[in-house]
Amino acid sequence: MIWKRLAASIALIALALGGATWSVASWRASRAEAAYPPDGIFVEIDGQRVHMVVMGDQGPDLVLIHGASGSARALTFDLAPELAKRYRVFVPDRPGFGWSDPLEGDTITAQAELLQRAVAEAGARDPIVLGHSYGGAVAIAWAVTRPDTLSGLVPVAAPSQTWDDPLPTLYQITSPALGQAIAVPLISAWTPPDLLRSEVASVFEPQEMPAGYAEWFGPAMTLRAQTMRVNARQRASLKSEIAALMPNYPALDLPVISLHGSADTIVGEQIHAIPFTRQVPGAELVSLPGLGHMLPQVALEETVDAVDRVAARIEND
């Protein structure tokens, strides 16, 4: 695994460079933040700041929730602008990502509550909620725990079931307390920019990363030590949090269209989307042959169509 080799390499480098690790990590974080300043609004909920981008001024309200190792920018690259032509679109940074404050006890259920309250404060009423990847799990948690506050659900490449594979090596290293204290600053300080870009590109496989995406997305923001710690903790606890939600799926009562690529090797369609749409009454699965994980970018038309069809079902109910 590339991250295991990377961890070993940067540990040797850090031992050689000593205290430079902390100053380099801090410098890289400051540089990333200067390059990617806030481009939306801030809403405060119980002292917790949530940053979000709001687009569009007409049509139904729609919330887009980004996945792991990301920010709102993952969904404002081209999806949010396209949807804003006929929806009021709210795209928050999940807590601890982008410019949103970290959240203590940031389970998918706690994140769903915070984001629901934040977008409501910003003006969203009974929105359709689309979540991509980890953000899809947050969207499902929103539907399960706060069913009266949304009108439709669009999980995209979303984990919804438990699985057998072990936690990826990167998170095995960075989620324990020792890894949070030592490994995270090492990775934050010494990951080569070319490796970081290649890791972003690999998430698109078997498709190619769209031109300009990496520059827009700003992966260096995710490489900040604070964000890496949040990301690792959230990823490590995701399976057990999903397990707690699963018994509630048959009680979901809202329009649901799940979008998934058949070639997704990060969140497998057979493991997640197919069982989920069988467990939720009336849910529909749109399977996209040969497509991988990054559907909001590589299947823009199909993603927009899924939202449109959920909106049509709401209007006809």
C-alpha atoms as a PDB file:
ATOM      1  CA  MET A   1       0.000   0.000   0.000  1.00  0.00           C
ATOM      2  CA  ILE A   2       1.322   3.403  -0.969  1.00  0.00           C
ATOM      3  CA  TRP A   3       0.354   5.003   2.333  1.00  0.00           C
ATOM      4  CA  LYS A   4       2.241   2.360   4.357  1.00  0.00           C
ATOM      5  CA  ARG A   5       5.406   3.041   2.356  1.00  0.00           C
ATOM      6  CA  LEU A   6       4.809   6.763   2.682  1.00  0.00           C
ATOM      7  CA  ALA A   7       4.406   6.551   6.464  1.00  0.00           C
ATOM      8  CA  ALA A   8       7.691   4.658   6.802  1.00  0.00           C
ATOM      9  CA  SER A   9       9.499   7.114   4.551  1.00  0.00           C
ATOM     10  CA  ILE A  10       8.251  10.250   6.243  1.00  0.00           C
ATOM     11  CA  ALA A  11       9.015   8.809   9.675  1.00  0.00           C
ATOM     12  CA  LEU A  12      12.679   8.492   8.669  1.00  0.00           C
ATOM     13  CA  ILE A  13      12.649  11.994   7.206  1.00  0.00           C
ATOM     14  CA  ALA A  14      11.049  13.441  10.323  1.00  0.00           C
ATOM     15  CA  LEU A  15      13.609  11.775  12.583  1.00  0.00           C
ATOM     16  CA  ALA A  16      16.305  13.419  10.530  1.00  0.00           C
ATOM     17  CA  LEU A  17      14.687  16.833  10.486  1.00  0.00           C
ATOM     18  CA  GLY A  18      13.441  16.855  14.066  1.00  0.00           C
ATOM     19  CA  GLY A  19      11.363  19.870  15.070  1.00  0.00           C
ATOM     20  CA  ALA A  20      11.086  21.061  11.488  1.00  0.00           C
ATOM     21  CA  THR A  21       8.043  18.800  11.079  1.00  0.00           C
ATOM     22  CA  TRP A  22       5.737  21.025  13.101  1.00  0.00           C
ATOM     23  CA  SER A  23       6.847  24.263  11.481  1.00  0.00           C
ATOM     24  CA  VAL A  24       6.590  22.804   7.971  1.00  0.00           C
ATOM     25  CA  ALA A  25       3.110  21.390   8.667  1.00  0.00           C
ATOM     26  CA  SER A  26       1.987  24.765   9.999  1.00  0.00           C
ATOM     27  CA  TRP A  27       3.510  26.611   7.043  1.00  0.00           C
ATOM     28  CA  ARG A  28       1.833  24.304   4.537  1.00  0.00           C
ATOM     29  CA  ALA A  29      -1.525  24.719   6.295  1.00  0.00           C
ATOM     30  CA  SER A  30      -1.219  28.516   6.263  1.00  0.00           C
ATOM     31  CA  ARG A  31      -0.259  28.467   2.611  1.00  0.00           C
ATOM     32  CA  ALA A  32      -3.264  26.275   1.726  1.00  0.00           C
ATOM     33  CA  GLU A  33      -5.646  28.523   3.648  1.00  0.00           C
ATOM     34  CA  ALA A  34      -4.305  31.613   1.894  1.00  0.00           C
ATOM     35  CA  ALA A  35      -4.820  29.928  -1.479  1.00  0.00           C
ATOM     36  CA  TYR A  36      -8.355  28.756  -0.630  1.00  0.00           C
ATOM     37  CA  PRO A  37     -10.035  31.393   1.552  1.00  0.00           C
ATOM     38  CA  PRO A  38     -13.715  31.115   2.529  1.00  0.00           C
ATOM     39  CA  ASP A  39     -15.941  31.567  -0.506  1.00  0.00           C
ATOM     40  CA  GLY A  40     -19.329  31.299   1.206  1.00  0.00           C
ATOM     41  CA  ILE A  41     -21.125  32.355   4.359  1.00  0.00           C
ATOM     42  CA  PHE A  42     -20.730  31.373   7.995  1.00  0.00           C
ATOM     43  CA  VAL A  43     -23.590  30.203  10.203  1.00  0.00           C
ATOM     44  CA  GLU A  44     -23.144  29.697  13.940  1.00  0.00           C
ATOM     45  CA  ILE A  45     -24.993  26.922  15.779  1.00  0.00           C
ATOM     46  CA  ASP A  46     -24.405  26.727  19.542  1.00  0.00           C
ATOM     47  CA  GLY A  47     -21.004  28.365  19.114  1.00  0.00           C
ATOM     48  CA  GLN A  48     -20.107  26.067  16.210  1.00  0.00           C
ATOM     49  CA  ARG A  49     -19.254  27.833  12.946  1.00  0.00           C
ATOM     50  CA  VAL A  50     -20.362  26.135   9.734  1.00  0.00           C
ATOM     51  CA  HIS A  51     -19.128  27.474   6.416  1.00  0.00           C
ATOM     52  CA  MET A  52     -21.318  26.931   3.370  1.00  0.00           C
ATOM     53  CA  VAL A  53     -21.684  28.058  -0.211  1.00  0.00           C
ATOM     54  CA  VAL A  54     -25.203  29.067  -1.276  1.00  0.00           C
ATOM     55  CA  MET A  55     -26.107  29.186  -4.972  1.00  0.00           C
ATOM     56  CA  GLY A  56     -29.315  29.827  -6.884  1.00  0.00           C
ATOM     57  CA  ASP A  57     -32.298  31.965  -5.993  1.00  0.00           C
ATOM     58  CA  GLN A  58     -35.304  29.925  -7.093  1.00  0.00           C
ATOM     59  CA  GLY A  59     -36.745  26.427  -7.033  1.00  0.00           C
ATOM     60  CA  PRO A  60     -36.772  23.757  -4.308  1.00  0.00           C
ATOM     61  CA  ASP A  61     -34.093  23.789  -1.628  1.00  0.00           C
ATOM     62  CA  LEU A  62     -31.268  21.292  -2.051  1.00  0.00           C
ATOM     63  CA  VAL A  63     -28.360  20.400   0.246  1.00  0.00           C
ATOM     64  CA  LEU A  64     -25.150  18.792  -1.061  1.00  0.00           C
ATOM     65  CA  ILE A  65     -22.896  17.002   1.464  1.00  0.00           C
ATOM     66  CA  HIS A  66     -19.308  16.204   0.496  1.00  0.00           C
ATOM     67  CA  GLY A  67     -17.374  13.064   1.334  1.00  0.00           C
ATOM     68  CA  ALA A  68     -14.221  12.177   3.271  1.00  0.00           C
ATOM     69  CA  SER A  69     -10.933  13.979   2.619  1.00  0.00           C
ATOM     70  CA  GLY A  70     -12.789  16.849   0.984  1.00  0.00           C
ATOM     71  CA  SER A  71     -14.780  20.022   1.392  1.00  0.00           C
ATOM     72  CA  ALA A  72     -17.678  21.831  -0.244  1.00  0.00           C
ATOM     73  CA  ARG A  73     -15.343  22.512  -3.160  1.00  0.00           C
ATOM     74  CA  ALA A  74     -15.681  18.884  -4.260  1.00  0.00           C
ATOM     75  CA  LEU A  75     -19.318  19.625  -5.119  1.00  0.00           C
ATOM     76  CA  THR A  76     -19.029  23.262  -6.246  1.00  0.00           C
ATOM     77  CA  PHE A  77     -16.648  22.329  -9.081  1.00  0.00           C
ATOM     78  CA  ASP A  78     -19.520  21.837 -11.535  1.00  0.00           C
ATOM     79  CA  LEU A  79     -22.420  20.027  -9.821  1.00  0.00           C
ATOM     80  CA  ALA A  80     -23.674  22.866  -7.610  1.00  0.00           C
ATOM     81  CA  PRO A  81     -23.527  25.500 -10.392  1.00  0.00           C
ATOM     82  CA  GLU A  82     -25.521  23.223 -12.684  1.00  0.00           C
ATOM     83  CA  LEU A  83     -28.155  22.473 -10.047  1.00  0.00           C
ATOM     84  CA  ALA A  84     -28.357  26.144  -9.067  1.00  0.00           C
ATOM     85  CA  LYS A  85     -30.048  26.831 -12.411  1.00  0.00           C
ATOM     86  CA  ARG A  86     -33.285  25.486 -10.893  1.00  0.00           C
ATOM     87  CA  TYR A  87     -32.664  24.884  -7.171  1.00  0.00           C
ATOM     88  CA  ARG A  88     -31.540  26.880  -4.169  1.00  0.00           C
ATOM     89  CA  VAL A  89     -28.366  24.944  -3.386  1.00  0.00           C
ATOM     90  CA  PHE A  90     -26.689  24.843   0.035  1.00  0.00           C
ATOM     91  CA  VAL A  91     -23.217  23.247   0.124  1.00  0.00           C
ATOM     92  CA  PRO A  92     -21.695  23.158   3.623  1.00  0.00           C
ATOM     93  CA  ASP A  93     -18.213  22.170   4.647  1.00  0.00           C
ATOM     94  CA  ARG A  94     -18.707  19.247   7.013  1.00  0.00           C
ATOM     95  CA  PRO A  95     -17.379  19.954  10.539  1.00  0.00           C
ATOM     96  CA  GLY A  96     -13.590  19.960  10.594  1.00  0.00           C
ATOM     97  CA  PHE A  97     -13.266  20.344   6.814  1.00  0.00           C
ATOM     98  CA  GLY A  98     -12.799  23.421   4.681  1.00  0.00           C
ATOM     99  CA  TRP A  99     -13.661  26.343   6.936  1.00  0.00           C
ATOM    100  CA  SER A 100     -16.147  24.697   9.310  1.00  0.00           C
ATOM    101  CA  ASP A 101     -15.153  24.221  12.950  1.00  0.00           C
ATOM    102  CA  PRO A 102     -14.455  20.672  14.144  1.00  0.00           C
ATOM    103  CA  LEU A 103     -17.275  19.076  16.105  1.00  0.00           C
ATOM    104  CA  GLU A 104     -16.686  17.141  19.291  1.00  0.00           C
ATOM    105  CA  GLY A 105     -18.278  13.704  19.056  1.00  0.00           C
ATOM    106  CA  ASP A 106     -18.656  14.089  15.292  1.00  0.00           C
ATOM    107  CA  THR A 107     -20.614  10.966  14.443  1.00  0.00           C
ATOM    108  CA  ILE A 108     -22.600  10.924  11.221  1.00  0.00           C
ATOM    109  CA  THR A 109     -25.725  11.502  13.324  1.00  0.00           C
ATOM    110  CA  ALA A 110     -24.194  14.497  15.113  1.00  0.00           C
ATOM    111  CA  GLN A 111     -22.983  15.919  11.810  1.00  0.00           C
ATOM    112  CA  ALA A 112     -26.446  15.473  10.303  1.00  0.00           C
ATOM    113  CA  GLU A 113     -28.000  17.427  13.164  1.00  0.00           C
ATOM    114  CA  LEU A 114     -25.469  20.249  12.914  1.00  0.00           C
ATOM    115  CA  LEU A 115     -25.762  20.536   9.132  1.00  0.00           C
ATOM    116  CA  GLN A 116     -29.556  20.405   9.214  1.00  0.00           C
ATOM    117  CA  ARG A 117     -29.678  23.213  11.748  1.00  0.00           C
ATOM    118  CA  ALA A 118     -27.045  25.217   9.860  1.00  0.00           C
ATOM    119  CA  VAL A 119     -28.773  25.083   6.480  1.00  0.00           C
ATOM    120  CA  ALA A 120     -32.107  25.846   8.153  1.00  0.00           C
ATOM    121  CA  GLU A 121     -30.498  28.920   9.712  1.00  0.00           C
ATOM    122  CA  ALA A 122     -29.310  29.869   6.211  1.00  0.00           C
ATOM    123  CA  GLY A 123     -32.864  29.566   4.882  1.00  0.00           C
ATOM    124  CA  ALA A 124     -33.267  25.979   3.647  1.00  0.00           C
ATOM    125  CA  ARG A 125     -36.713  24.485   4.271  1.00  0.00           C
ATOM    126  CA  ASP A 126     -37.428  20.750   3.894  1.00  0.00           C
ATOM    127  CA  PRO A 127     -34.609  20.328   1.390  1.00  0.00           C
ATOM    128  CA  ILE A 128     -33.741  17.430  -0.817  1.00  0.00           C
ATOM    129  CA  VAL A 129     -30.463  16.089   0.597  1.00  0.00           C
ATOM    130  CA  LEU A 130     -27.753  14.654  -1.659  1.00  0.00           C
ATOM    131  CA  GLY A 131     -24.672  13.139  -0.078  1.00  0.00           C
ATOM    132  CA  HIS A 132     -21.623  11.784  -1.867  1.00  0.00           C
ATOM    133  CA  SER A 133     -19.507   8.948  -0.422  1.00  0.00           C
ATOM    134  CA  TYR A 134     -19.060   9.528   3.347  1.00  0.00           C
ATOM    135  CA  GLY A 135     -21.404  12.484   2.923  1.00  0.00           C
ATOM    136  CA  GLY A 136     -24.011   9.995   1.703  1.00  0.00           C
ATOM    137  CA  ALA A 137     -23.821   8.248   5.068  1.00  0.00           C
ATOM    138  CA  VAL A 138     -24.381  11.626   6.749  1.00  0.00           C
ATOM    139  CA  ALA A 139     -27.362  12.242   4.445  1.00  0.00           C
ATOM    140  CA  ILE A 140     -28.824   8.835   5.332  1.00  0.00           C
ATOM    141  CA  ALA A 141     -28.293   9.576   9.030  1.00  0.00           C
ATOM    142  CA  TRP A 142     -30.170  12.855   8.508  1.00  0.00           C
ATOM    143  CA  ALA A 143     -33.110  10.992   6.948  1.00  0.00           C
ATOM    144  CA  VAL A 144     -33.175   8.386   9.728  1.00  0.00           C
ATOM    145  CA  THR A 145     -32.824  10.716  12.710  1.00  0.00           C
ATOM    146  CA  ARG A 146     -34.480  13.933  11.475  1.00  0.00           C
ATOM    147  CA  PRO A 147     -37.129  12.683   9.025  1.00  0.00           C
ATOM    148  CA  ASP A 148     -39.391  15.720   9.341  1.00  0.00           C
ATOM    149  CA  THR A 149     -36.675  18.121   8.137  1.00  0.00           C
ATOM    150  CA  LEU A 150     -36.050  16.882   4.587  1.00  0.00           C
ATOM    151  CA  SER A 151     -38.237  16.009   1.623  1.00  0.00           C
ATOM    152  CA  GLY A 152     -36.071  13.640  -0.444  1.00  0.00           C
ATOM    153  CA  LEU A 153     -32.801  11.725  -0.354  1.00  0.00           C
ATOM    154  CA  VAL A 154     -30.139  11.126  -3.035  1.00  0.00           C
ATOM    155  CA  PRO A 155     -27.253   8.958  -1.796  1.00  0.00           C
ATOM    156  CA  VAL A 156     -24.431   8.967  -4.360  1.00  0.00           C
ATOM    157  CA  ALA A 157     -21.745   6.263  -4.062  1.00  0.00           C
ATOM    158  CA  ALA A 158     -22.763   6.163  -0.414  1.00  0.00           C
ATOM    159  CA  PRO A 159     -21.795   3.627   2.254  1.00  0.00           C
ATOM    160  CA  SER A 160     -24.972   2.343   3.903  1.00  0.00           C
ATOM    161  CA  GLN A 161     -24.096  -1.172   5.139  1.00  0.00           C
ATOM    162  CA  THR A 162     -21.382  -2.832   7.191  1.00  0.00           C
ATOM    163  CA  TRP A 163     -18.507  -4.502   5.335  1.00  0.00           C
ATOM    164  CA  ASP A 164     -15.771  -7.079   5.905  1.00  0.00           C
ATOM    165  CA  ASP A 165     -12.637  -5.289   4.709  1.00  0.00           C
ATOM    166  CA  PRO A 166     -10.310  -3.883   7.393  1.00  0.00           C
ATOM    167  CA  LEU A 167      -9.802  -0.183   7.917  1.00  0.00           C
ATOM    168  CA  PRO A 168      -7.435   1.151   5.206  1.00  0.00           C
ATOM    169  CA  THR A 169      -3.801   1.383   6.292  1.00  0.00           C
ATOM    170  CA  LEU A 170      -3.736   5.173   6.253  1.00  0.00           C
ATOM    171  CA  TYR A 171      -6.519   5.343   8.841  1.00  0.00           C
ATOM    172  CA  GLN A 172      -5.035   2.510  10.889  1.00  0.00           C
ATOM    173  CA  ILE A 173      -1.988   4.745  11.211  1.00  0.00           C
ATOM    174  CA  THR A 174      -3.697   8.103  11.717  1.00  0.00           C
ATOM    175  CA  SER A 175      -6.804   7.336  13.805  1.00  0.00           C
ATOM    176  CA  PRO A 176      -5.261   6.066  17.114  1.00  0.00           C
ATOM    177  CA  ALA A 177      -4.071   8.625  19.652  1.00  0.00           C
ATOM    178  CA  LEU A 178      -0.386   8.029  18.905  1.00  0.00           C
ATOM    179  CA  GLY A 179      -1.004   8.379  15.184  1.00  0.00           C
ATOM    180  CA  GLN A 180      -3.014  11.541  15.736  1.00  0.00           C
ATOM    181  CA  ALA A 181      -0.132  13.045  17.704  1.00  0.00           C
ATOM    182  CA  ILE A 182       2.826  11.871  15.604  1.00  0.00           C
ATOM    183  CA  ALA A 183       1.901  10.361  12.246  1.00  0.00           C
ATOM    184  CA  VAL A 184      -0.551  13.073  11.220  1.00  0.00           C
ATOM    185  CA  PRO A 185       1.944  15.972  11.491  1.00  0.00           C
ATOM    186  CA  LEU A 186       4.549  13.894   9.661  1.00  0.00           C
ATOM    187  CA  ILE A 187       2.215  13.182   6.759  1.00  0.00           C
ATOM    188  CA  SER A 188       0.960  16.770   6.769  1.00  0.00           C
ATOM    189  CA  ALA A 189       4.475  18.166   6.608  1.00  0.00           C
ATOM    190  CA  TRP A 190       6.249  15.812   4.233  1.00  0.00           C
ATOM    191  CA  THR A 191       3.764  14.435   1.687  1.00  0.00           C
ATOM    192  CA  PRO A 192       5.119  15.453  -1.740  1.00  0.00           C
ATOM    193  CA  PRO A 193       2.676  17.572  -3.772  1.00  0.00           C
ATOM    194  CA  ASP A 194       2.907  15.187  -6.748  1.00  0.00           C
ATOM    195  CA  LEU A 195       1.926  12.239  -4.554  1.00  0.00           C
ATOM    196  CA  LEU A 196      -0.987  14.205  -3.125  1.00  0.00           C
ATOM    197  CA  ARG A 197      -2.246  15.011  -6.613  1.00  0.00           C
ATOM    198  CA  SER A 198      -1.874  11.392  -7.743  1.00  0.00           C
ATOM    199  CA  GLU A 199      -3.895  10.220  -4.745  1.00  0.00           C
ATOM    200  CA  VAL A 200      -6.719  12.585  -5.711  1.00  0.00           C
ATOM    201  CA  ALA A 201      -6.565  11.342  -9.309  1.00  0.00           C
ATOM    202  CA  SER A 202      -6.670   7.704  -8.170  1.00  0.00           C
ATOM    203  CA  VAL A 203     -10.079   8.219  -6.551  1.00  0.00           C
ATOM    204  CA  PHE A 204     -11.512   8.828 -10.043  1.00  0.00           C
ATOM    205  CA  GLU A 205     -10.415   5.462 -11.454  1.00  0.00           C
ATOM    206  CA  PRO A 206     -11.339   3.945 -13.859  1.00  0.00           C
ATOM    207  CA  GLN A 207     -12.219   7.424 -15.159  1.00  0.00           C
ATOM    208  CA  GLU A 208      -9.753  10.294 -15.453  1.00  0.00           C
ATOM    209  CA  MET A 209      -9.825  13.279 -13.138  1.00  0.00           C
ATOM    210  CA  PRO A 210     -11.408  16.260 -14.947  1.00  0.00           C
ATOM    211  CA  ALA A 211      -9.057  19.021 -16.025  1.00  0.00           C
ATOM    212  CA  GLY A 212      -8.883  21.747 -13.409  1.00  0.00           C
ATOM    213  CA  TYR A 213     -10.472  19.684 -10.632  1.00  0.00           C
ATOM    214  CA  ALA A 214      -7.399  19.333  -8.416  1.00  0.00           C
ATOM    215  CA  GLU A 215      -6.654  23.046  -8.651  1.00  0.00           C
ATOM    216  CA  TRP A 216     -10.250  23.908  -7.745  1.00  0.00           C
ATOM    217  CA  PHE A 217     -10.579  21.280  -5.023  1.00  0.00           C
ATOM    218  CA  GLY A 218      -7.396  22.199  -3.141  1.00  0.00           C
ATOM    219  CA  PRO A 219      -6.200  18.892  -1.651  1.00  0.00           C
ATOM    220  CA  ALA A 220      -3.661  20.745   0.471  1.00  0.00           C
ATOM    221  CA  MET A 221      -6.578  21.925   2.633  1.00  0.00           C
ATOM    222  CA  THR A 222      -7.321  18.302   3.511  1.00  0.00           C
ATOM    223  CA  LEU A 223      -3.636  17.748   4.299  1.00  0.00           C
ATOM    224  CA  ARG A 224      -3.825  20.201   7.215  1.00  0.00           C
ATOM    225  CA  ALA A 225      -3.104  18.318  10.452  1.00  0.00           C
ATOM    226  CA  GLN A 226      -6.379  19.292  12.117  1.00  0.00           C
ATOM    227  CA  THR A 227      -8.408  18.142   9.118  1.00  0.00           C
ATOM    228  CA  MET A 228      -6.463  14.890   8.795  1.00  0.00           C
ATOM    229  CA  ARG A 229      -7.177  14.093  12.445  1.00  0.00           C
ATOM    230  CA  VAL A 230     -10.894  14.698  12.003  1.00  0.00           C
ATOM    231  CA  ASN A 231     -10.972  12.689   8.784  1.00  0.00           C
ATOM    232  CA  ALA A 232      -9.198   9.713  10.347  1.00  0.00           C
ATOM    233  CA  ARG A 233     -11.421   9.604  13.428  1.00  0.00           C
ATOM    234  CA  GLN A 234     -14.582   9.840  11.361  1.00  0.00           C
ATOM    235  CA  ARG A 235     -13.490   7.142   8.952  1.00  0.00           C
ATOM    236  CA  ALA A 236     -12.448   4.773  11.741  1.00  0.00           C
ATOM    237  CA  SER A 237     -15.853   4.906  13.452  1.00  0.00           C
ATOM    238  CA  LEU A 238     -18.034   4.887  10.327  1.00  0.00           C
ATOM    239  CA  LYS A 239     -18.818   1.152  10.183  1.00  0.00           C
ATOM    240  CA  SER A 240     -20.241   0.985  13.709  1.00  0.00           C
ATOM    241  CA  GLU A 241     -22.249   4.169  13.183  1.00  0.00           C
ATOM    242  CA  ILE A 242     -23.809   2.764  10.015  1.00  0.00           C
ATOM    243  CA  ALA A 243     -24.609  -0.489  11.836  1.00  0.00           C
ATOM    244  CA  ALA A 244     -26.661   1.518  14.339  1.00  0.00           C
ATOM    245  CA  LEU A 245     -28.670   3.128  11.515  1.00  0.00           C
ATOM    246  CA  MET A 246     -29.458   0.018   9.493  1.00  0.00           C
ATOM    247  CA  PRO A 247     -32.439  -1.281  11.519  1.00  0.00           C
ATOM    248  CA  ASN A 248     -34.239   2.013  10.749  1.00  0.00           C
ATOM    249  CA  TYR A 249     -34.064   1.832   6.953  1.00  0.00           C
ATOM    250  CA  PRO A 250     -37.428   0.051   6.473  1.00  0.00           C
ATOM    251  CA  ALA A 251     -39.165   2.940   8.273  1.00  0.00           C
ATOM    252  CA  LEU A 252     -37.875   5.616   5.884  1.00  0.00           C
ATOM    253  CA  ASP A 253     -40.812   7.274   4.147  1.00  0.00           C
ATOM    254  CA  LEU A 254     -39.605   9.726   1.504  1.00  0.00           C
ATOM    255  CA  PRO A 255     -38.530   9.657  -2.154  1.00  0.00           C
ATOM    256  CA  VAL A 256     -35.098   8.019  -2.443  1.00  0.00           C
ATOM    257  CA  ILE A 257     -32.951   7.544  -5.543  1.00  0.00           C
ATOM    258  CA  SER A 258     -29.523   6.006  -4.986  1.00  0.00           C
ATOM    259  CA  LEU A 259     -26.849   6.565  -7.633  1.00  0.00           C
ATOM    260  CA  HIS A 260     -23.886   4.198  -7.867  1.00  0.00           C
ATOM    261  CA  GLY A 261     -21.188   3.191 -10.337  1.00  0.00           C
ATOM    262  CA  SER A 262     -20.799  -0.509 -11.043  1.00  0.00           C
ATOM    263  CA  ALA A 263     -16.988  -0.114 -11.150  1.00  0.00           C
ATOM    264  CA  ASP A 264     -16.759   1.666  -7.785  1.00  0.00           C
ATOM    265  CA  THR A 265     -13.987  -0.082  -5.820  1.00  0.00           C
ATOM    266  CA  ILE A 266     -14.078   2.380  -2.901  1.00  0.00           C
ATOM    267  CA  VAL A 267     -17.744   1.904  -1.926  1.00  0.00           C
ATOM    268  CA  GLY A 268     -18.945  -1.259  -3.642  1.00  0.00           C
ATOM    269  CA  GLU A 269     -22.365  -1.173  -5.256  1.00  0.00           C
ATOM    270  CA  GLN A 270     -23.094  -4.820  -4.422  1.00  0.00           C
ATOM    271  CA  ILE A 271     -22.247  -4.276  -0.755  1.00  0.00           C
ATOM    272  CA  HIS A 272     -24.013  -0.954  -0.260  1.00  0.00           C
ATOM    273  CA  ALA A 273     -26.411   0.488  -2.843  1.00  0.00           C
ATOM    274  CA  ILE A 274     -28.165  -2.718  -3.842  1.00  0.00           C
ATOM    275  CA  PRO A 275     -29.053  -3.815  -0.276  1.00  0.00           C
ATOM    276  CA  PHE A 276     -29.955  -0.260   0.724  1.00  0.00           C
ATOM    277  CA  THR A 277     -32.506   0.203  -2.037  1.00  0.00           C
ATOM    278  CA  ARG A 278     -34.063  -3.137  -1.119  1.00  0.00           C
ATOM    279  CA  GLN A 279     -34.313  -2.137   2.539  1.00  0.00           C
ATOM    280  CA  VAL A 280     -35.943   1.264   1.935  1.00  0.00           C
ATOM    281  CA  PRO A 281     -39.567   1.093   0.737  1.00  0.00           C
ATOM    282  CA  GLY A 282     -39.945   2.575  -2.742  1.00  0.00           C
ATOM    283  CA  ALA A 283     -36.248   3.393  -3.129  1.00  0.00           C
ATOM    284  CA  GLU A 284     -34.737   3.218  -6.596  1.00  0.00           C
ATOM    285  CA  LEU A 285     -31.197   2.372  -7.625  1.00  0.00           C
ATOM    286  CA  VAL A 286     -29.638   3.967 -10.693  1.00  0.00           C
ATOM    287  CA  SER A 287     -26.622   1.824 -11.545  1.00  0.00           C
ATOM    288  CA  LEU A 288     -24.091   3.359 -13.924  1.00  0.00           C
ATOM    289  CA  PRO A 289     -22.132   0.667 -15.774  1.00  0.00           C
ATOM    290  CA  GLY A 290     -18.356   1.069 -15.821  1.00  0.00           C
ATOM    291  CA  LEU A 291     -18.270   4.195 -13.670  1.00  0.00           C
ATOM    292  CA  GLY A 292     -16.255   4.552 -10.500  1.00  0.00           C
ATOM    293  CA  HIS A 293     -16.616   6.521  -7.296  1.00  0.00           C
ATOM    294  CA  MET A 294     -16.585  10.186  -8.314  1.00  0.00           C
ATOM    295  CA  LEU A 295     -20.016  10.389  -9.910  1.00  0.00           C
ATOM    296  CA  PRO A 296     -20.741  14.070  -9.150  1.00  0.00           C
ATOM    297  CA  GLN A 297     -17.837  14.946 -11.440  1.00  0.00           C
ATOM    298  CA  VAL A 298     -17.843  12.132 -14.045  1.00  0.00           C
ATOM    299  CA  ALA A 299     -21.618  11.588 -14.258  1.00  0.00           C
ATOM    300  CA  LEU A 300     -22.895  15.140 -13.912  1.00  0.00           C
ATOM    301  CA  GLU A 301     -25.957  14.659 -16.118  1.00  0.00           C
ATOM    302  CA  GLU A 302     -27.045  11.474 -14.333  1.00  0.00           C
ATOM    303  CA  THR A 303     -26.552  13.057 -10.903  1.00  0.00           C
ATOM    304  CA  VAL A 304     -28.645  16.089 -11.840  1.00  0.00           C
ATOM    305  CA  ASP A 305     -31.297  13.805 -13.304  1.00  0.00           C
ATOM    306  CA  ALA A 306     -31.531  11.842 -10.039  1.00  0.00           C
ATOM    307  CA  VAL A 307     -32.177  15.086  -8.137  1.00  0.00           C
ATOM    308  CA  ASP A 308     -34.758  16.179 -10.716  1.00  0.00           C
ATOM    309  CA  ARG A 309     -36.605  12.887 -10.442  1.00  0.00           C
ATOM    310  CA  VAL A 310     -36.724  13.063  -6.655  1.00  0.00           C
ATOM    311  CA  ALA A 311     -38.036  16.623  -6.912  1.00  0.00           C
ATOM    312  CA  ALA A 312     -40.728  15.456  -9.363  1.00  0.00           C
ATOM    313  CA  ARG A 313     -41.823  12.703  -6.976  1.00  0.00           C
ATOM    314  CA  ILE A 314     -42.100  15.213  -4.141  1.00  0.00           C
ATOM    315  CA  GLU A 315     -44.170  17.552  -6.279  1.00  0.00           C
ATOM    316  CA  ASN A 316     -46.508  14.716  -7.344  1.00  0.00           C
ATOM    317  CA  ASP A 317     -47.049  13.287  -3.856  1.00  0.00           C
END
